[in-house]
Amino acid sequence: MQIFSVKDISEITGMSVYKVRHALFMLEKHQRIKKYEDKKGARKYLRFSV
């Protein structure tokens, strides 16, 4: 797997660095929420999605 820096991604996609960073953050948050959902059921998920 190739590792890109935020700056690389922003140059490739033409998005601003801020946008890329935000997108990566949301992605990471989503992954974490999914893990919680799998582990502990939907009740915990609701608390994290707020």
PDB file of N, CA and C in Angstrom:
ATOM      1  N   MET A   1       0.839  -1.204   0.000  1.00  0.00           N
ATOM      2  CA  MET A   1       0.000   0.000   0.000  1.00  0.00           C
ATOM      3  C   MET A   1       0.871   1.251   0.000  1.00  0.00           C
ATOM      4  N   GLN A   2       0.460   2.206  -0.797  1.00  0.00           N
ATOM      5  CA  GLN A   2       1.237   3.432  -0.902  1.00  0.00           C
ATOM      6  C   GLN A   2       0.750   4.457   0.119  1.00  0.00           C
ATOM      7  N   ILE A   3       1.688   5.135   0.726  1.00  0.00           N
ATOM      8  CA  ILE A   3       1.338   6.148   1.722  1.00  0.00           C
ATOM      9  C   ILE A   3       1.435   7.524   1.082  1.00  0.00           C
ATOM     10  N   PHE A   4       0.361   8.268   1.153  1.00  0.00           N
ATOM     11  CA  PHE A   4       0.345   9.641   0.650  1.00  0.00           C
ATOM     12  C   PHE A   4       0.260  10.606   1.820  1.00  0.00           C
ATOM     13  N   SER A   5       0.928  11.713   1.679  1.00  0.00           N
ATOM     14  CA  SER A   5       0.726  12.772   2.668  1.00  0.00           C
ATOM     15  C   SER A   5      -0.516  13.556   2.273  1.00  0.00           C
ATOM     16  N   VAL A   6      -1.038  14.322   3.209  1.00  0.00           N
ATOM     17  CA  VAL A   6      -2.227  15.131   2.931  1.00  0.00           C
ATOM     18  C   VAL A   6      -1.955  16.073   1.759  1.00  0.00           C
ATOM     19  N   LYS A   7      -0.744  16.608   1.717  1.00  0.00           N
ATOM     20  CA  LYS A   7      -0.372  17.540   0.650  1.00  0.00           C
ATOM     21  C   LYS A   7      -0.408  16.842  -0.716  1.00  0.00           C
ATOM     22  N   ASP A   8       0.096  15.608  -0.782  1.00  0.00           N
ATOM     23  CA  ASP A   8       0.067  14.844  -2.029  1.00  0.00           C
ATOM     24  C   ASP A   8      -1.366  14.650  -2.503  1.00  0.00           C
ATOM     25  N   ILE A   9      -2.207  14.230  -1.589  1.00  0.00           N
ATOM     26  CA  ILE A   9      -3.604  13.968  -1.937  1.00  0.00           C
ATOM     27  C   ILE A   9      -4.261  15.244  -2.440  1.00  0.00           C
ATOM     28  N   SER A  10      -3.988  16.353  -1.784  1.00  0.00           N
ATOM     29  CA  SER A  10      -4.616  17.607  -2.188  1.00  0.00           C
ATOM     30  C   SER A  10      -4.141  18.018  -3.579  1.00  0.00           C
ATOM     31  N   GLU A  11      -2.884  17.708  -3.912  1.00  0.00           N
ATOM     32  CA  GLU A  11      -2.378  18.026  -5.247  1.00  0.00           C
ATOM     33  C   GLU A  11      -2.990  17.108  -6.299  1.00  0.00           C
ATOM     34  N   ILE A  12      -3.123  15.836  -5.970  1.00  0.00           N
ATOM     35  CA  ILE A  12      -3.684  14.866  -6.915  1.00  0.00           C
ATOM     36  C   ILE A  12      -5.153  15.172  -7.190  1.00  0.00           C
ATOM     37  N   THR A  13      -5.907  15.422  -6.143  1.00  0.00           N
ATOM     38  CA  THR A  13      -7.358  15.577  -6.288  1.00  0.00           C
ATOM     39  C   THR A  13      -7.766  17.007  -6.578  1.00  0.00           C
ATOM     40  N   GLY A  14      -6.853  17.951  -6.340  1.00  0.00           N
ATOM     41  CA  GLY A  14      -7.200  19.354  -6.539  1.00  0.00           C
ATOM     42  C   GLY A  14      -8.032  19.922  -5.402  1.00  0.00           C
ATOM     43  N   MET A  15      -8.182  19.146  -4.332  1.00  0.00           N
ATOM     44  CA  MET A  15      -8.902  19.655  -3.168  1.00  0.00           C
ATOM     45  C   MET A  15      -7.934  20.434  -2.290  1.00  0.00           C
ATOM     46  N   SER A  16      -8.475  21.306  -1.486  1.00  0.00           N
ATOM     47  CA  SER A  16      -7.618  22.035  -0.550  1.00  0.00           C
ATOM     48  C   SER A  16      -7.121  21.081   0.529  1.00  0.00           C
ATOM     49  N   VAL A  17      -5.987  21.417   1.121  1.00  0.00           N
ATOM     50  CA  VAL A  17      -5.413  20.591   2.180  1.00  0.00           C
ATOM     51  C   VAL A  17      -6.415  20.427   3.315  1.00  0.00           C
ATOM     52  N   TYR A  18      -7.120  21.511   3.624  1.00  0.00           N
ATOM     53  CA  TYR A  18      -8.103  21.458   4.706  1.00  0.00           C
ATOM     54  C   TYR A  18      -9.187  20.435   4.401  1.00  0.00           C
ATOM     55  N   LYS A  19      -9.676  20.453   3.147  1.00  0.00           N
ATOM     56  CA  LYS A  19     -10.741  19.532   2.744  1.00  0.00           C
ATOM     57  C   LYS A  19     -10.283  18.086   2.847  1.00  0.00           C
ATOM     58  N   VAL A  20      -9.062  17.843   2.399  1.00  0.00           N
ATOM     59  CA  VAL A  20      -8.515  16.482   2.452  1.00  0.00           C
ATOM     60  C   VAL A  20      -8.405  16.020   3.895  1.00  0.00           C
ATOM     61  N   ARG A  21      -7.874  16.903   4.731  1.00  0.00           N
ATOM     62  CA  ARG A  21      -7.708  16.567   6.143  1.00  0.00           C
ATOM     63  C   ARG A  21      -9.055  16.255   6.771  1.00  0.00           C
ATOM     64  N   HIS A  22     -10.048  17.062   6.443  1.00  0.00           N
ATOM     65  CA  HIS A  22     -11.386  16.865   6.981  1.00  0.00           C
ATOM     66  C   HIS A  22     -11.955  15.524   6.515  1.00  0.00           C
ATOM     67  N   ALA A  23     -11.759  15.231   5.238  1.00  0.00           N
ATOM     68  CA  ALA A  23     -12.276  13.982   4.676  1.00  0.00           C
ATOM     69  C   ALA A  23     -11.635  12.775   5.363  1.00  0.00           C
ATOM     70  N   LEU A  24     -10.325  12.855   5.565  1.00  0.00           N
ATOM     71  CA  LEU A  24      -9.621  11.758   6.236  1.00  0.00           C
ATOM     72  C   LEU A  24     -10.105  11.606   7.670  1.00  0.00           C
ATOM     73  N   PHE A  25     -10.331  12.738   8.325  1.00  0.00           N
ATOM     74  CA  PHE A  25     -10.816  12.710   9.699  1.00  0.00           C
ATOM     75  C   PHE A  25     -12.192  12.058   9.771  1.00  0.00           C
ATOM     76  N   MET A  26     -13.081  12.443   8.853  1.00  0.00           N
ATOM     77  CA  MET A  26     -14.432  11.880   8.837  1.00  0.00           C
ATOM     78  C   MET A  26     -14.376  10.377   8.571  1.00  0.00           C
ATOM     79  N   LEU A  27     -13.475   9.992   7.667  1.00  0.00           N
ATOM     80  CA  LEU A  27     -13.318   8.584   7.328  1.00  0.00           C
ATOM     81  C   LEU A  27     -12.885   7.787   8.559  1.00  0.00           C
ATOM     82  N   GLU A  28     -11.905   8.337   9.260  1.00  0.00           N
ATOM     83  CA  GLU A  28     -11.378   7.679  10.445  1.00  0.00           C
ATOM     84  C   GLU A  28     -12.456   7.569  11.513  1.00  0.00           C
ATOM     85  N   LYS A  29     -13.216   8.657  11.680  1.00  0.00           N
ATOM     86  CA  LYS A  29     -14.290   8.680  12.667  1.00  0.00           C
ATOM     87  C   LYS A  29     -15.332   7.620  12.317  1.00  0.00           C
ATOM     88  N   HIS A  30     -15.650   7.531  11.030  1.00  0.00           N
ATOM     89  CA  HIS A  30     -16.638   6.572  10.562  1.00  0.00           C
ATOM     90  C   HIS A  30     -16.172   5.141  10.838  1.00  0.00           C
ATOM     91  N   GLN A  31     -14.887   4.883  10.588  1.00  0.00           N
ATOM     92  CA  GLN A  31     -14.330   3.555  10.857  1.00  0.00           C
ATOM     93  C   GLN A  31     -14.478   3.207  12.331  1.00  0.00           C
ATOM     94  N   ARG A  32     -14.166   4.201  13.170  1.00  0.00           N
ATOM     95  CA  ARG A  32     -14.226   3.970  14.608  1.00  0.00           C
ATOM     96  C   ARG A  32     -15.653   3.686  15.049  1.00  0.00           C
ATOM     97  N   ILE A  33     -16.595   4.454  14.518  1.00  0.00           N
ATOM     98  CA  ILE A  33     -18.001   4.260  14.874  1.00  0.00           C
ATOM     99  C   ILE A  33     -18.445   2.866  14.442  1.00  0.00           C
ATOM    100  N   LYS A  34     -18.021   2.453  13.246  1.00  0.00           N
ATOM    101  CA  LYS A  34     -18.380   1.131  12.751  1.00  0.00           C
ATOM    102  C   LYS A  34     -17.855   0.045  13.685  1.00  0.00           C
ATOM    103  N   LYS A  35     -16.622   0.218  14.148  1.00  0.00           N
ATOM    104  CA  LYS A  35     -16.040  -0.765  15.055  1.00  0.00           C
ATOM    105  C   LYS A  35     -16.847  -0.856  16.336  1.00  0.00           C
ATOM    106  N   TYR A  36     -17.228   0.298  16.859  1.00  0.00           N
ATOM    107  CA  TYR A  36     -18.033   0.322  18.083  1.00  0.00           C
ATOM    108  C   TYR A  36     -19.368  -0.357  17.852  1.00  0.00           C
ATOM    109  N   GLU A  37     -19.950  -0.097  16.682  1.00  0.00           N
ATOM    110  CA  GLU A  37     -21.255  -0.665  16.371  1.00  0.00           C
ATOM    111  C   GLU A  37     -21.157  -2.188  16.332  1.00  0.00           C
ATOM    112  N   ASP A  38     -20.109  -2.689  15.698  1.00  0.00           N
ATOM    113  CA  ASP A  38     -19.923  -4.134  15.604  1.00  0.00           C
ATOM    114  C   ASP A  38     -19.727  -4.748  16.981  1.00  0.00           C
ATOM    115  N   LYS A  39     -18.953  -4.037  17.809  1.00  0.00           N
ATOM    116  CA  LYS A  39     -18.580  -4.592  19.098  1.00  0.00           C
ATOM    117  C   LYS A  39     -19.707  -4.520  20.112  1.00  0.00           C
ATOM    118  N   LYS A  40     -20.346  -3.355  20.193  1.00  0.00           N
ATOM    119  CA  LYS A  40     -21.237  -3.119  21.324  1.00  0.00           C
ATOM    120  C   LYS A  40     -22.707  -2.943  20.958  1.00  0.00           C
ATOM    121  N   GLY A  41     -23.017  -3.055  19.671  1.00  0.00           N
ATOM    122  CA  GLY A  41     -24.402  -2.880  19.279  1.00  0.00           C
ATOM    123  C   GLY A  41     -24.738  -1.428  19.002  1.00  0.00           C
ATOM    124  N   ALA A  42     -25.979  -1.187  18.604  1.00  0.00           N
ATOM    125  CA  ALA A  42     -26.367   0.117  18.070  1.00  0.00           C
ATOM    126  C   ALA A  42     -26.480   1.201  19.136  1.00  0.00           C
ATOM    127  N   ARG A  43     -26.696   0.816  20.389  1.00  0.00           N
ATOM    128  CA  ARG A  43     -26.924   1.832  21.413  1.00  0.00           C
ATOM    129  C   ARG A  43     -25.699   2.736  21.581  1.00  0.00           C
ATOM    130  N   LYS A  44     -24.522   2.119  21.609  1.00  0.00           N
ATOM    131  CA  LYS A  44     -23.273   2.859  21.742  1.00  0.00           C
ATOM    132  C   LYS A  44     -23.066   3.745  20.509  1.00  0.00           C
ATOM    133  N   TYR A  45     -23.435   3.222  19.366  1.00  0.00           N
ATOM    134  CA  TYR A  45     -23.265   3.941  18.098  1.00  0.00           C
ATOM    135  C   TYR A  45     -23.997   5.276  18.120  1.00  0.00           C
ATOM    136  N   LEU A  46     -25.193   5.277  18.666  1.00  0.00           N
ATOM    137  CA  LEU A  46     -25.983   6.504  18.704  1.00  0.00           C
ATOM    138  C   LEU A  46     -25.281   7.584  19.511  1.00  0.00           C
ATOM    139  N   ARG A  47     -24.627   7.160  20.577  1.00  0.00           N
ATOM    140  CA  ARG A  47     -23.942   8.132  21.419  1.00  0.00           C
ATOM    141  C   ARG A  47     -22.741   8.744  20.696  1.00  0.00           C
ATOM    142  N   PHE A  48     -22.086   7.954  19.851  1.00  0.00           N
ATOM    143  CA  PHE A  48     -20.890   8.431  19.175  1.00  0.00           C
ATOM    144  C   PHE A  48     -21.218   9.245  17.929  1.00  0.00           C
ATOM    145  N   SER A  49     -22.403   9.027  17.366  1.00  0.00           N
ATOM    146  CA  SER A  49     -22.725   9.695  16.104  1.00  0.00           C
ATOM    147  C   SER A  49     -23.160  11.138  16.312  1.00  0.00           C
ATOM    148  N   VAL A  50     -23.462  11.509  17.551  1.00  0.00           N
ATOM    149  CA  VAL A  50     -23.921  12.875  17.819  1.00  0.00           C
ATOM    150  C   VAL A  50     -22.760  13.852  17.714  1.00  0.00           C
TER     151      VAL A  50
END
